[in-house]
Amino acid sequence: MDMKRTLIVTVLGALTALPVLAEGTAPQTATPPAGIQQWQARKAAMQEVWQSLTPEERQKLKTARETAKSDPVVAEAKKKLMEDRKNYHQALSSAMIKTDPSLAPVLEKFKEAKAKTHHKK
C-alpha cells in the first residue's frame, strides 16, 4: 500500500512540475500542492508515533494487522477500496484529458510506469 501512495504522490508531484519543466526551469523551490503537504505531514506524524513504540508494541501491531487482513469484512473492504481507487483514477484521468486532450500521452507514460512497478497478487 505504501508503494501505491508513493506512486500517487510521485505522479501528482510530476504533474505539478510539468508547467515549470515546459518553461525550461528546474522546480528547485516549488512548493508541493496542499494535498501533498498534508500527506507528508501525516506520514511524518505516523513515523514519529511508530518510532516512539517499543519493539514489543510494534510486533503486536504487525501481528494484529496480519491477522485482521484475513478477516472477511476487512478483505471485502479492501477489495471495495481498490475498486473505488481505480474508478476514481480512471474518472480523474478522463476528466483531465477532457480538459486538455494533449495530456493523454503524458498520462499514458505514468500508466506505463505504474504497470512496470505494480505488484500483482
PDB file of N, CA and C in Angstrom:
ATOM      1  N   MET A   1       0.824  -1.183   0.000  1.00  0.00           N
ATOM      2  CA  MET A   1       0.000   0.000   0.000  1.00  0.00           C
ATOM      3  C   MET A   1       0.869   1.248   0.000  1.00  0.00           C
ATOM      4  N   ASP A   2       2.001   1.216   0.714  1.00  0.00           N
ATOM      5  CA  ASP A   2       2.881   2.367   0.734  1.00  0.00           C
ATOM      6  C   ASP A   2       3.421   2.684  -0.646  1.00  0.00           C
ATOM      7  N   MET A   3       3.666   1.650  -1.449  1.00  0.00           N
ATOM      8  CA  MET A   3       4.176   1.880  -2.799  1.00  0.00           C
ATOM      9  C   MET A   3       3.129   2.608  -3.633  1.00  0.00           C
ATOM     10  N   LYS A   4       1.847   2.270  -3.450  1.00  0.00           N
ATOM     11  CA  LYS A   4       0.783   2.937  -4.189  1.00  0.00           C
ATOM     12  C   LYS A   4       0.698   4.407  -3.790  1.00  0.00           C
ATOM     13  N   ARG A   5       0.795   4.666  -2.496  1.00  0.00           N
ATOM     14  CA  ARG A   5       0.780   6.059  -2.043  1.00  0.00           C
ATOM     15  C   ARG A   5       1.964   6.826  -2.612  1.00  0.00           C
ATOM     16  N   THR A   6       3.132   6.199  -2.607  1.00  0.00           N
ATOM     17  CA  THR A   6       4.325   6.826  -3.150  1.00  0.00           C
ATOM     18  C   THR A   6       4.148   7.123  -4.626  1.00  0.00           C
ATOM     19  N   LEU A   7       3.563   6.190  -5.368  1.00  0.00           N
ATOM     20  CA  LEU A   7       3.341   6.395  -6.796  1.00  0.00           C
ATOM     21  C   LEU A   7       2.369   7.540  -7.023  1.00  0.00           C
ATOM     22  N   ILE A   8       1.299   7.595  -6.240  1.00  0.00           N
ATOM     23  CA  ILE A   8       0.324   8.674  -6.381  1.00  0.00           C
ATOM     24  C   ILE A   8       0.977  10.015  -6.115  1.00  0.00           C
ATOM     25  N   VAL A   9       1.751  10.103  -5.047  1.00  0.00           N
ATOM     26  CA  VAL A   9       2.429  11.354  -4.723  1.00  0.00           C
ATOM     27  C   VAL A   9       3.420  11.722  -5.817  1.00  0.00           C
ATOM     28  N   THR A  10       4.137  10.731  -6.343  1.00  0.00           N
ATOM     29  CA  THR A  10       5.095  10.980  -7.416  1.00  0.00           C
ATOM     30  C   THR A  10       4.393  11.504  -8.656  1.00  0.00           C
ATOM     31  N   VAL A  11       3.289  10.875  -9.020  1.00  0.00           N
ATOM     32  CA  VAL A  11       2.547  11.312 -10.203  1.00  0.00           C
ATOM     33  C   VAL A  11       2.011  12.720 -10.006  1.00  0.00           C
ATOM     34  N   LEU A  12       1.409  12.970  -8.846  1.00  0.00           N
ATOM     35  CA  LEU A  12       0.886  14.310  -8.586  1.00  0.00           C
ATOM     36  C   LEU A  12       2.001  15.353  -8.585  1.00  0.00           C
ATOM     37  N   GLY A  13       3.118  15.003  -7.992  1.00  0.00           N
ATOM     38  CA  GLY A  13       4.253  15.927  -7.987  1.00  0.00           C
ATOM     39  C   GLY A  13       4.768  16.192  -9.385  1.00  0.00           C
ATOM     40  N   ALA A  14       4.844  15.139 -10.190  1.00  0.00           N
ATOM     41  CA  ALA A  14       5.310  15.305 -11.565  1.00  0.00           C
ATOM     42  C   ALA A  14       4.336  16.152 -12.367  1.00  0.00           C
ATOM     43  N   LEU A  15       3.042  15.933 -12.149  1.00  0.00           N
ATOM     44  CA  LEU A  15       2.051  16.725 -12.875  1.00  0.00           C
ATOM     45  C   LEU A  15       2.125  18.204 -12.503  1.00  0.00           C
ATOM     46  N   THR A  16       2.420  18.488 -11.246  1.00  0.00           N
ATOM     47  CA  THR A  16       2.526  19.886 -10.845  1.00  0.00           C
ATOM     48  C   THR A  16       3.806  20.525 -11.366  1.00  0.00           C
ATOM     49  N   ALA A  17       4.799  19.704 -11.651  1.00  0.00           N
ATOM     50  CA  ALA A  17       6.065  20.234 -12.153  1.00  0.00           C
ATOM     51  C   ALA A  17       6.059  20.432 -13.666  1.00  0.00           C
ATOM     52  N   LEU A  18       5.099  19.856 -14.363  1.00  0.00           N
ATOM     53  CA  LEU A  18       5.091  19.930 -15.828  1.00  0.00           C
ATOM     54  C   LEU A  18       5.155  21.354 -16.367  1.00  0.00           C
ATOM     55  N   PRO A  19       4.358  22.302 -15.860  1.00  0.00           N
ATOM     56  CA  PRO A  19       4.446  23.653 -16.407  1.00  0.00           C
ATOM     57  C   PRO A  19       5.832  24.269 -16.223  1.00  0.00           C
ATOM     58  N   VAL A  20       6.453  24.006 -15.097  1.00  0.00           N
ATOM     59  CA  VAL A  20       7.780  24.548 -14.832  1.00  0.00           C
ATOM     60  C   VAL A  20       8.795  23.926 -15.771  1.00  0.00           C
ATOM     61  N   LEU A  21       8.718  22.612 -15.950  1.00  0.00           N
ATOM     62  CA  LEU A  21       9.649  21.925 -16.833  1.00  0.00           C
ATOM     63  C   LEU A  21       9.471  22.369 -18.278  1.00  0.00           C
ATOM     64  N   ALA A  22       8.231  22.635 -18.659  1.00  0.00           N
ATOM     65  CA  ALA A  22       7.972  23.076 -20.023  1.00  0.00           C
ATOM     66  C   ALA A  22       8.624  24.431 -20.290  1.00  0.00           C
ATOM     67  N   GLU A  23       8.782  25.241 -19.263  1.00  0.00           N
ATOM     68  CA  GLU A  23       9.413  26.547 -19.412  1.00  0.00           C
ATOM     69  C   GLU A  23      10.930  26.441 -19.402  1.00  0.00           C
ATOM     70  N   GLY A  24      11.446  25.264 -19.089  1.00  0.00           N
ATOM     71  CA  GLY A  24      12.892  25.061 -19.115  1.00  0.00           C
ATOM     72  C   GLY A  24      13.595  25.439 -17.827  1.00  0.00           C
ATOM     73  N   THR A  25      12.861  25.624 -16.742  1.00  0.00           N
ATOM     74  CA  THR A  25      13.485  25.932 -15.463  1.00  0.00           C
ATOM     75  C   THR A  25      13.222  24.793 -14.502  1.00  0.00           C
ATOM     76  N   ALA A  26      14.169  24.519 -13.668  1.00  0.00           N
ATOM     77  CA  ALA A  26      14.035  23.427 -12.710  1.00  0.00           C
ATOM     78  C   ALA A  26      13.148  23.852 -11.548  1.00  0.00           C
ATOM     79  N   PRO A  27      12.305  22.955 -11.052  1.00  0.00           N
ATOM     80  CA  PRO A  27      11.408  23.293  -9.949  1.00  0.00           C
ATOM     81  C   PRO A  27      12.100  23.191  -8.595  1.00  0.00           C
ATOM     82  N   GLN A  28      13.234  23.857  -8.435  1.00  0.00           N
ATOM     83  CA  GLN A  28      14.037  23.724  -7.224  1.00  0.00           C
ATOM     84  C   GLN A  28      13.348  24.278  -5.989  1.00  0.00           C
ATOM     85  N   THR A  29      12.587  25.338  -6.131  1.00  0.00           N
ATOM     86  CA  THR A  29      11.949  25.939  -4.966  1.00  0.00           C
ATOM     87  C   THR A  29      10.433  25.809  -5.016  1.00  0.00           C
ATOM     88  N   ALA A  30       9.931  24.947  -5.885  1.00  0.00           N
ATOM     89  CA  ALA A  30       8.485  24.776  -5.994  1.00  0.00           C
ATOM     90  C   ALA A  30       7.927  24.188  -4.707  1.00  0.00           C
ATOM     91  N   THR A  31       6.841  24.740  -4.239  1.00  0.00           N
ATOM     92  CA  THR A  31       6.163  24.243  -3.049  1.00  0.00           C
ATOM     93  C   THR A  31       5.153  23.194  -3.489  1.00  0.00           C
ATOM     94  N   PRO A  32       5.177  22.019  -2.846  1.00  0.00           N
ATOM     95  CA  PRO A  32       4.202  20.987  -3.223  1.00  0.00           C
ATOM     96  C   PRO A  32       2.777  21.482  -2.995  1.00  0.00           C
ATOM     97  N   PRO A  33       1.821  20.944  -3.746  1.00  0.00           N
ATOM     98  CA  PRO A  33       0.422  21.311  -3.523  1.00  0.00           C
ATOM     99  C   PRO A  33      -0.007  20.975  -2.101  1.00  0.00           C
ATOM    100  N   ALA A  34      -1.050  21.636  -1.647  1.00  0.00           N
ATOM    101  CA  ALA A  34      -1.524  21.474  -0.273  1.00  0.00           C
ATOM    102  C   ALA A  34      -1.818  20.012   0.070  1.00  0.00           C
ATOM    103  N   GLY A  35      -2.412  19.267  -0.852  1.00  0.00           N
ATOM    104  CA  GLY A  35      -2.722  17.862  -0.590  1.00  0.00           C
ATOM    105  C   GLY A  35      -1.481  17.040  -0.313  1.00  0.00           C
ATOM    106  N   ILE A  36      -0.425  17.308  -1.051  1.00  0.00           N
ATOM    107  CA  ILE A  36       0.825  16.574  -0.835  1.00  0.00           C
ATOM    108  C   ILE A  36       1.458  16.997   0.482  1.00  0.00           C
ATOM    109  N   GLN A  37       1.391  18.278   0.798  1.00  0.00           N
ATOM    110  CA  GLN A  37       1.927  18.746   2.078  1.00  0.00           C
ATOM    111  C   GLN A  37       1.194  18.080   3.242  1.00  0.00           C
ATOM    112  N   GLN A  38      -0.124  17.953   3.131  1.00  0.00           N
ATOM    113  CA  GLN A  38      -0.900  17.302   4.187  1.00  0.00           C
ATOM    114  C   GLN A  38      -0.503  15.834   4.305  1.00  0.00           C
ATOM    115  N   TRP A  39      -0.341  15.160   3.164  1.00  0.00           N
ATOM    116  CA  TRP A  39       0.058  13.754   3.177  1.00  0.00           C
ATOM    117  C   TRP A  39       1.430  13.605   3.819  1.00  0.00           C
ATOM    118  N   GLN A  40       2.360  14.506   3.475  1.00  0.00           N
ATOM    119  CA  GLN A  40       3.706  14.439   4.044  1.00  0.00           C
ATOM    120  C   GLN A  40       3.665  14.662   5.556  1.00  0.00           C
ATOM    121  N   ALA A  41       2.823  15.590   6.006  1.00  0.00           N
ATOM    122  CA  ALA A  41       2.711  15.855   7.440  1.00  0.00           C
ATOM    123  C   ALA A  41       2.130  14.644   8.168  1.00  0.00           C
ATOM    124  N   ARG A  42       1.091  14.014   7.571  1.00  0.00           N
ATOM    125  CA  ARG A  42       0.503  12.812   8.195  1.00  0.00           C
ATOM    126  C   ARG A  42       1.522  11.687   8.253  1.00  0.00           C
ATOM    127  N   LYS A  43       2.273  11.520   7.165  1.00  0.00           N
ATOM    128  CA  LYS A  43       3.276  10.452   7.120  1.00  0.00           C
ATOM    129  C   LYS A  43       4.340  10.691   8.200  1.00  0.00           C
ATOM    130  N   ALA A  44       4.804  11.926   8.332  1.00  0.00           N
ATOM    131  CA  ALA A  44       5.813  12.248   9.338  1.00  0.00           C
ATOM    132  C   ALA A  44       5.269  11.990  10.749  1.00  0.00           C
ATOM    133  N   ALA A  45       4.009  12.348  10.982  1.00  0.00           N
ATOM    134  CA  ALA A  45       3.402  12.133  12.302  1.00  0.00           C
ATOM    135  C   ALA A  45       3.298  10.643  12.612  1.00  0.00           C
ATOM    136  N   MET A  46       2.907   9.846  11.614  1.00  0.00           N
ATOM    137  CA  MET A  46       2.792   8.398  11.821  1.00  0.00           C
ATOM    138  C   MET A  46       4.168   7.772  12.058  1.00  0.00           C
ATOM    139  N   GLN A  47       5.179   8.240  11.337  1.00  0.00           N
ATOM    140  CA  GLN A  47       6.530   7.728  11.553  1.00  0.00           C
ATOM    141  C   GLN A  47       7.029   8.072  12.953  1.00  0.00           C
ATOM    142  N   GLU A  48       6.681   9.254  13.408  1.00  0.00           N
ATOM    143  CA  GLU A  48       7.087   9.665  14.759  1.00  0.00           C
ATOM    144  C   GLU A  48       6.446   8.754  15.807  1.00  0.00           C
ATOM    145  N   VAL A  49       5.164   8.466  15.643  1.00  0.00           N
ATOM    146  CA  VAL A  49       4.485   7.568  16.582  1.00  0.00           C
ATOM    147  C   VAL A  49       5.121   6.182  16.522  1.00  0.00           C
ATOM    148  N   TRP A  50       5.356   5.679  15.296  1.00  0.00           N
ATOM    149  CA  TRP A  50       5.956   4.348  15.127  1.00  0.00           C
ATOM    150  C   TRP A  50       7.303   4.280  15.833  1.00  0.00           C
ATOM    151  N   GLN A  51       8.118   5.298  15.657  1.00  0.00           N
ATOM    152  CA  GLN A  51       9.441   5.318  16.281  1.00  0.00           C
ATOM    153  C   GLN A  51       9.358   5.370  17.806  1.00  0.00           C
ATOM    154  N   SER A  52       8.263   5.916  18.321  1.00  0.00           N
ATOM    155  CA  SER A  52       8.120   6.023  19.779  1.00  0.00           C
ATOM    156  C   SER A  52       7.676   4.704  20.427  1.00  0.00           C
ATOM    157  N   LEU A  53       7.241   3.754  19.624  1.00  0.00           N
ATOM    158  CA  LEU A  53       6.762   2.485  20.169  1.00  0.00           C
ATOM    159  C   LEU A  53       7.923   1.585  20.568  1.00  0.00           C
ATOM    160  N   THR A  54       7.632   0.735  21.524  1.00  0.00           N
ATOM    161  CA  THR A  54       8.631  -0.264  21.914  1.00  0.00           C
ATOM    162  C   THR A  54       8.648  -1.360  20.844  1.00  0.00           C
ATOM    163  N   PRO A  55       9.716  -2.133  20.769  1.00  0.00           N
ATOM    164  CA  PRO A  55       9.736  -3.249  19.813  1.00  0.00           C
ATOM    165  C   PRO A  55       8.563  -4.216  20.025  1.00  0.00           C
ATOM    166  N   GLU A  56       8.180  -4.416  21.272  1.00  0.00           N
ATOM    167  CA  GLU A  56       7.059  -5.311  21.560  1.00  0.00           C
ATOM    168  C   GLU A  56       5.751  -4.743  21.009  1.00  0.00           C
ATOM    169  N   GLU A  57       5.537  -3.433  21.171  1.00  0.00           N
ATOM    170  CA  GLU A  57       4.318  -2.803  20.642  1.00  0.00           C
ATOM    171  C   GLU A  57       4.290  -2.885  19.116  1.00  0.00           C
ATOM    172  N   ARG A  58       5.425  -2.655  18.500  1.00  0.00           N
ATOM    173  CA  ARG A  58       5.498  -2.742  17.030  1.00  0.00           C
ATOM    174  C   ARG A  58       5.143  -4.154  16.573  1.00  0.00           C
ATOM    175  N   GLN A  59       5.688  -5.161  17.250  1.00  0.00           N
ATOM    176  CA  GLN A  59       5.419  -6.544  16.860  1.00  0.00           C
ATOM    177  C   GLN A  59       3.955  -6.889  17.056  1.00  0.00           C
ATOM    178  N   LYS A  60       3.360  -6.425  18.159  1.00  0.00           N
ATOM    179  CA  LYS A  60       1.941  -6.671  18.396  1.00  0.00           C
ATOM    180  C   LYS A  60       1.091  -6.065  17.279  1.00  0.00           C
ATOM    181  N   LEU A  61       1.425  -4.846  16.886  1.00  0.00           N
ATOM    182  CA  LEU A  61       0.681  -4.194  15.806  1.00  0.00           C
ATOM    183  C   LEU A  61       0.827  -4.956  14.491  1.00  0.00           C
ATOM    184  N   LYS A  62       2.049  -5.379  14.176  1.00  0.00           N
ATOM    185  CA  LYS A  62       2.288  -6.129  12.941  1.00  0.00           C
ATOM    186  C   LYS A  62       1.484  -7.426  12.934  1.00  0.00           C
ATOM    187  N   THR A  63       1.518  -8.144  14.053  1.00  0.00           N
ATOM    188  CA  THR A  63       0.811  -9.415  14.153  1.00  0.00           C
ATOM    189  C   THR A  63      -0.697  -9.207  14.041  1.00  0.00           C
ATOM    190  N   ALA A  64      -1.222  -8.225  14.759  1.00  0.00           N
ATOM    191  CA  ALA A  64      -2.660  -7.949  14.718  1.00  0.00           C
ATOM    192  C   ALA A  64      -3.093  -7.523  13.313  1.00  0.00           C
ATOM    193  N   ARG A  65      -2.268  -6.739  12.642  1.00  0.00           N
ATOM    194  CA  ARG A  65      -2.595  -6.297  11.277  1.00  0.00           C
ATOM    195  C   ARG A  65      -2.667  -7.492  10.333  1.00  0.00           C
ATOM    196  N   GLU A  66      -1.694  -8.366  10.404  1.00  0.00           N
ATOM    197  CA  GLU A  66      -1.694  -9.541   9.525  1.00  0.00           C
ATOM    198  C   GLU A  66      -2.905 -10.422   9.798  1.00  0.00           C
ATOM    199  N   THR A  67      -3.251 -10.588  11.065  1.00  0.00           N
ATOM    200  CA  THR A  67      -4.417 -11.392  11.419  1.00  0.00           C
ATOM    201  C   THR A  67      -5.697 -10.723  10.925  1.00  0.00           C
ATOM    202  N   ALA A  68      -5.805  -9.427  11.135  1.00  0.00           N
ATOM    203  CA  ALA A  68      -7.004  -8.679  10.733  1.00  0.00           C
ATOM    204  C   ALA A  68      -7.203  -8.701   9.218  1.00  0.00           C
ATOM    205  N   LYS A  69      -6.114  -8.746   8.459  1.00  0.00           N
ATOM    206  CA  LYS A  69      -6.230  -8.750   6.998  1.00  0.00           C
ATOM    207  C   LYS A  69      -6.942  -9.981   6.472  1.00  0.00           C
ATOM    208  N   SER A  70      -6.970 -11.076   7.259  1.00  0.00           N
ATOM    209  CA  SER A  70      -7.656 -12.285   6.825  1.00  0.00           C
ATOM    210  C   SER A  70      -9.138 -12.286   7.208  1.00  0.00           C
ATOM    211  N   ASP A  71      -9.572 -11.288   7.963  1.00  0.00           N
ATOM    212  CA  ASP A  71     -10.981 -11.167   8.320  1.00  0.00           C
ATOM    213  C   ASP A  71     -11.783 -10.875   7.050  1.00  0.00           C
ATOM    214  N   PRO A  72     -12.866 -11.619   6.800  1.00  0.00           N
ATOM    215  CA  PRO A  72     -13.646 -11.409   5.577  1.00  0.00           C
ATOM    216  C   PRO A  72     -14.166  -9.980   5.414  1.00  0.00           C
ATOM    217  N   VAL A  73     -14.550  -9.342   6.494  1.00  0.00           N
ATOM    218  CA  VAL A  73     -15.040  -7.962   6.417  1.00  0.00           C
ATOM    219  C   VAL A  73     -13.916  -7.031   5.960  1.00  0.00           C
ATOM    220  N   VAL A  74     -12.735  -7.231   6.500  1.00  0.00           N
ATOM    221  CA  VAL A  74     -11.582  -6.407   6.122  1.00  0.00           C
ATOM    222  C   VAL A  74     -11.206  -6.676   4.668  1.00  0.00           C
ATOM    223  N   ALA A  75     -11.189  -7.944   4.285  1.00  0.00           N
ATOM    224  CA  ALA A  75     -10.848  -8.301   2.904  1.00  0.00           C
ATOM    225  C   ALA A  75     -11.834  -7.675   1.926  1.00  0.00           C
ATOM    226  N   GLU A  76     -13.117  -7.711   2.238  1.00  0.00           N
ATOM    227  CA  GLU A  76     -14.133  -7.114   1.361  1.00  0.00           C
ATOM    228  C   GLU A  76     -13.978  -5.591   1.313  1.00  0.00           C
ATOM    229  N   ALA A  77     -13.685  -4.975   2.451  1.00  0.00           N
ATOM    230  CA  ALA A  77     -13.486  -3.527   2.480  1.00  0.00           C
ATOM    231  C   ALA A  77     -12.271  -3.123   1.632  1.00  0.00           C
ATOM    232  N   LYS A  78     -11.209  -3.929   1.702  1.00  0.00           N
ATOM    233  CA  LYS A  78     -10.023  -3.634   0.901  1.00  0.00           C
ATOM    234  C   LYS A  78     -10.340  -3.774  -0.590  1.00  0.00           C
ATOM    235  N   LYS A  79     -11.076  -4.816  -0.939  1.00  0.00           N
ATOM    236  CA  LYS A  79     -11.454  -5.022  -2.340  1.00  0.00           C
ATOM    237  C   LYS A  79     -12.244  -3.818  -2.849  1.00  0.00           C
ATOM    238  N   LYS A  80     -13.198  -3.359  -2.054  1.00  0.00           N
ATOM    239  CA  LYS A  80     -14.011  -2.198  -2.436  1.00  0.00           C
ATOM    240  C   LYS A  80     -13.137  -0.948  -2.552  1.00  0.00           C
ATOM    241  N   LEU A  81     -12.229  -0.780  -1.611  1.00  0.00           N
ATOM    242  CA  LEU A  81     -11.329   0.373  -1.643  1.00  0.00           C
ATOM    243  C   LEU A  81     -10.507   0.373  -2.930  1.00  0.00           C
ATOM    244  N   MET A  82      -9.968  -0.767  -3.298  1.00  0.00           N
ATOM    245  CA  MET A  82      -9.153  -0.859  -4.517  1.00  0.00           C
ATOM    246  C   MET A  82      -9.989  -0.551  -5.756  1.00  0.00           C
ATOM    247  N   GLU A  83     -11.216  -1.055  -5.797  1.00  0.00           N
ATOM    248  CA  GLU A  83     -12.105  -0.776  -6.927  1.00  0.00           C
ATOM    249  C   GLU A  83     -12.439   0.716  -6.980  1.00  0.00           C
ATOM    250  N   ASP A  84     -12.737   1.290  -5.810  1.00  0.00           N
ATOM    251  CA  ASP A  84     -13.059   2.721  -5.758  1.00  0.00           C
ATOM    252  C   ASP A  84     -11.879   3.573  -6.193  1.00  0.00           C
ATOM    253  N   ARG A  85     -10.675   3.213  -5.768  1.00  0.00           N
ATOM    254  CA  ARG A  85      -9.484   3.966  -6.180  1.00  0.00           C
ATOM    255  C   ARG A  85      -9.289   3.894  -7.690  1.00  0.00           C
ATOM    256  N   LYS A  86      -9.470   2.686  -8.224  1.00  0.00           N
ATOM    257  CA  LYS A  86      -9.317   2.508  -9.667  1.00  0.00           C
ATOM    258  C   LYS A  86     -10.338   3.367 -10.413  1.00  0.00           C
ATOM    259  N   ASN A  87     -11.590   3.322  -9.969  1.00  0.00           N
ATOM    260  CA  ASN A  87     -12.633   4.128 -10.600  1.00  0.00           C
ATOM    261  C   ASN A  87     -12.331   5.619 -10.486  1.00  0.00           C
ATOM    262  N   TYR A  88     -11.866   6.051  -9.326  1.00  0.00           N
ATOM    263  CA  TYR A  88     -11.521   7.457  -9.131  1.00  0.00           C
ATOM    264  C   TYR A  88     -10.422   7.894 -10.098  1.00  0.00           C
ATOM    265  N   HIS A  89      -9.364   7.099 -10.178  1.00  0.00           N
ATOM    266  CA  HIS A  89      -8.244   7.479 -11.038  1.00  0.00           C
ATOM    267  C   HIS A  89      -8.628   7.451 -12.514  1.00  0.00           C
ATOM    268  N   GLN A  90      -9.489   6.516 -12.902  1.00  0.00           N
ATOM    269  CA  GLN A  90      -9.966   6.498 -14.278  1.00  0.00           C
ATOM    270  C   GLN A  90     -10.801   7.740 -14.570  1.00  0.00           C
ATOM    271  N   ALA A  91     -11.677   8.106 -13.630  1.00  0.00           N
ATOM    272  CA  ALA A  91     -12.501   9.307 -13.805  1.00  0.00           C
ATOM    273  C   ALA A  91     -11.637  10.564 -13.840  1.00  0.00           C
ATOM    274  N   LEU A  92     -10.646  10.619 -12.967  1.00  0.00           N
ATOM    275  CA  LEU A  92      -9.755  11.776 -12.927  1.00  0.00           C
ATOM    276  C   LEU A  92      -8.983  11.912 -14.238  1.00  0.00           C
ATOM    277  N   SER A  93      -8.419  10.809 -14.717  1.00  0.00           N
ATOM    278  CA  SER A  93      -7.674  10.847 -15.973  1.00  0.00           C
ATOM    279  C   SER A  93      -8.569  11.270 -17.127  1.00  0.00           C
ATOM    280  N   SER A  94      -9.766  10.703 -17.181  1.00  0.00           N
ATOM    281  CA  SER A  94     -10.703  11.060 -18.250  1.00  0.00           C
ATOM    282  C   SER A  94     -11.047  12.546 -18.208  1.00  0.00           C
ATOM    283  N   ALA A  95     -11.287  13.060 -17.011  1.00  0.00           N
ATOM    284  CA  ALA A  95     -11.623  14.476 -16.875  1.00  0.00           C
ATOM    285  C   ALA A  95     -10.438  15.371 -17.258  1.00  0.00           C
ATOM    286  N   MET A  96      -9.223  14.938 -16.904  1.00  0.00           N
ATOM    287  CA  MET A  96      -8.035  15.719 -17.271  1.00  0.00           C
ATOM    288  C   MET A  96      -7.856  15.745 -18.782  1.00  0.00           C
ATOM    289  N   ILE A  97      -8.079  14.601 -19.421  1.00  0.00           N
ATOM    290  CA  ILE A  97      -7.946  14.529 -20.882  1.00  0.00           C
ATOM    291  C   ILE A  97      -9.048  15.343 -21.545  1.00  0.00           C
ATOM    292  N   LYS A  98     -10.230  15.334 -20.958  1.00  0.00           N
ATOM    293  CA  LYS A  98     -11.329  16.142 -21.486  1.00  0.00           C
ATOM    294  C   LYS A  98     -10.971  17.628 -21.393  1.00  0.00           C
ATOM    295  N   THR A  99     -10.327  18.012 -20.301  1.00  0.00           N
ATOM    296  CA  THR A  99      -9.901  19.398 -20.113  1.00  0.00           C
ATOM    297  C   THR A  99      -8.795  19.769 -21.085  1.00  0.00           C
ATOM    298  N   ASP A 100      -7.839  18.839 -21.268  1.00  0.00           N
ATOM    299  CA  ASP A 100      -6.700  19.091 -22.155  1.00  0.00           C
ATOM    300  C   ASP A 100      -6.299  17.783 -22.835  1.00  0.00           C
ATOM    301  N   PRO A 101      -6.831  17.533 -24.035  1.00  0.00           N
ATOM    302  CA  PRO A 101      -6.548  16.278 -24.742  1.00  0.00           C
ATOM    303  C   PRO A 101      -5.059  16.015 -24.981  1.00  0.00           C
ATOM    304  N   SER A 102      -4.236  17.042 -24.995  1.00  0.00           N
ATOM    305  CA  SER A 102      -2.804  16.833 -25.227  1.00  0.00           C
ATOM    306  C   SER A 102      -2.136  16.107 -24.062  1.00  0.00           C
ATOM    307  N   LEU A 103      -2.837  15.979 -22.942  1.00  0.00           N
ATOM    308  CA  LEU A 103      -2.275  15.274 -21.780  1.00  0.00           C
ATOM    309  C   LEU A 103      -2.383  13.752 -21.890  1.00  0.00           C
ATOM    310  N   ALA A 104      -3.142  13.260 -22.850  1.00  0.00           N
ATOM    311  CA  ALA A 104      -3.332  11.803 -22.974  1.00  0.00           C
ATOM    312  C   ALA A 104      -2.007  11.049 -23.050  1.00  0.00           C
ATOM    313  N   PRO A 105      -1.059  11.449 -23.905  1.00  0.00           N
ATOM    314  CA  PRO A 105       0.205  10.700 -23.950  1.00  0.00           C
ATOM    315  C   PRO A 105       1.027  10.850 -22.669  1.00  0.00           C
ATOM    316  N   VAL A 106       0.907  11.980 -22.017  1.00  0.00           N
ATOM    317  CA  VAL A 106       1.643  12.196 -20.766  1.00  0.00           C
ATOM    318  C   VAL A 106       1.099  11.256 -19.690  1.00  0.00           C
ATOM    319  N   LEU A 107      -0.215  11.191 -19.562  1.00  0.00           N
ATOM    320  CA  LEU A 107      -0.818  10.302 -18.573  1.00  0.00           C
ATOM    321  C   LEU A 107      -0.535   8.842 -18.898  1.00  0.00           C
ATOM    322  N   GLU A 108      -0.434   8.521 -20.172  1.00  0.00           N
ATOM    323  CA  GLU A 108      -0.106   7.158 -20.578  1.00  0.00           C
ATOM    324  C   GLU A 108       1.284   6.769 -20.082  1.00  0.00           C
ATOM    325  N   LYS A 109       2.210   7.711 -20.067  1.00  0.00           N
ATOM    326  CA  LYS A 109       3.560   7.441 -19.557  1.00  0.00           C
ATOM    327  C   LYS A 109       3.502   7.037 -18.084  1.00  0.00           C
ATOM    328  N   PHE A 110       2.683   7.737 -17.315  1.00  0.00           N
ATOM    329  CA  PHE A 110       2.546   7.394 -15.904  1.00  0.00           C
ATOM    330  C   PHE A 110       1.895   6.022 -15.745  1.00  0.00           C
ATOM    331  N   LYS A 111       0.907   5.739 -16.588  1.00  0.00           N
ATOM    332  CA  LYS A 111       0.228   4.441 -16.542  1.00  0.00           C
ATOM    333  C   LYS A 111       1.218   3.313 -16.841  1.00  0.00           C
ATOM    334  N   GLU A 112       2.069   3.514 -17.838  1.00  0.00           N
ATOM    335  CA  GLU A 112       3.073   2.513 -18.186  1.00  0.00           C
ATOM    336  C   GLU A 112       4.087   2.323 -17.056  1.00  0.00           C
ATOM    337  N   ALA A 113       4.504   3.429 -16.448  1.00  0.00           N
ATOM    338  CA  ALA A 113       5.465   3.340 -15.328  1.00  0.00           C
ATOM    339  C   ALA A 113       4.845   2.575 -14.159  1.00  0.00           C
ATOM    340  N   LYS A 114       3.571   2.834 -13.894  1.00  0.00           N
ATOM    341  CA  LYS A 114       2.891   2.147 -12.807  1.00  0.00           C
ATOM    342  C   LYS A 114       2.803   0.653 -13.107  1.00  0.00           C
ATOM    343  N   ALA A 115       2.491   0.306 -14.350  1.00  0.00           N
ATOM    344  CA  ALA A 115       2.386  -1.107 -14.731  1.00  0.00           C
ATOM    345  C   ALA A 115       3.706  -1.842 -14.534  1.00  0.00           C
ATOM    346  N   LYS A 116       4.810  -1.159 -14.750  1.00  0.00           N
ATOM    347  CA  LYS A 116       6.134  -1.778 -14.587  1.00  0.00           C
ATOM    348  C   LYS A 116       6.469  -2.044 -13.124  1.00  0.00           C
ATOM    349  N   THR A 117       5.943  -1.202 -12.228  1.00  0.00           N
ATOM    350  CA  THR A 117       6.300  -1.314 -10.809  1.00  0.00           C
ATOM    351  C   THR A 117       5.193  -1.906  -9.964  1.00  0.00           C
ATOM    352  N   HIS A 118       4.025  -2.136 -10.548  1.00  0.00           N
ATOM    353  CA  HIS A 118       2.870  -2.614  -9.793  1.00  0.00           C
ATOM    354  C   HIS A 118       3.070  -4.074  -9.386  1.00  0.00           C
ATOM    355  N   HIS A 119       2.825  -4.340  -8.111  1.00  0.00           N
ATOM    356  CA  HIS A 119       2.928  -5.707  -7.587  1.00  0.00           C
ATOM    357  C   HIS A 119       1.550  -6.346  -7.631  1.00  0.00           C
ATOM    358  N   LYS A 120       1.382  -7.307  -8.492  1.00  0.00           N
ATOM    359  CA  LYS A 120       0.088  -8.001  -8.581  1.00  0.00           C
ATOM    360  C   LYS A 120       0.113  -9.195  -7.641  1.00  0.00           C
ATOM    361  N   LYS A 121      -1.012  -9.391  -6.947  1.00  0.00           N
ATOM    362  CA  LYS A 121      -1.123 -10.500  -6.001  1.00  0.00           C
ATOM    363  C   LYS A 121      -2.029 -11.564  -6.550  1.00  0.00           C
TER     364      LYS A 121
END
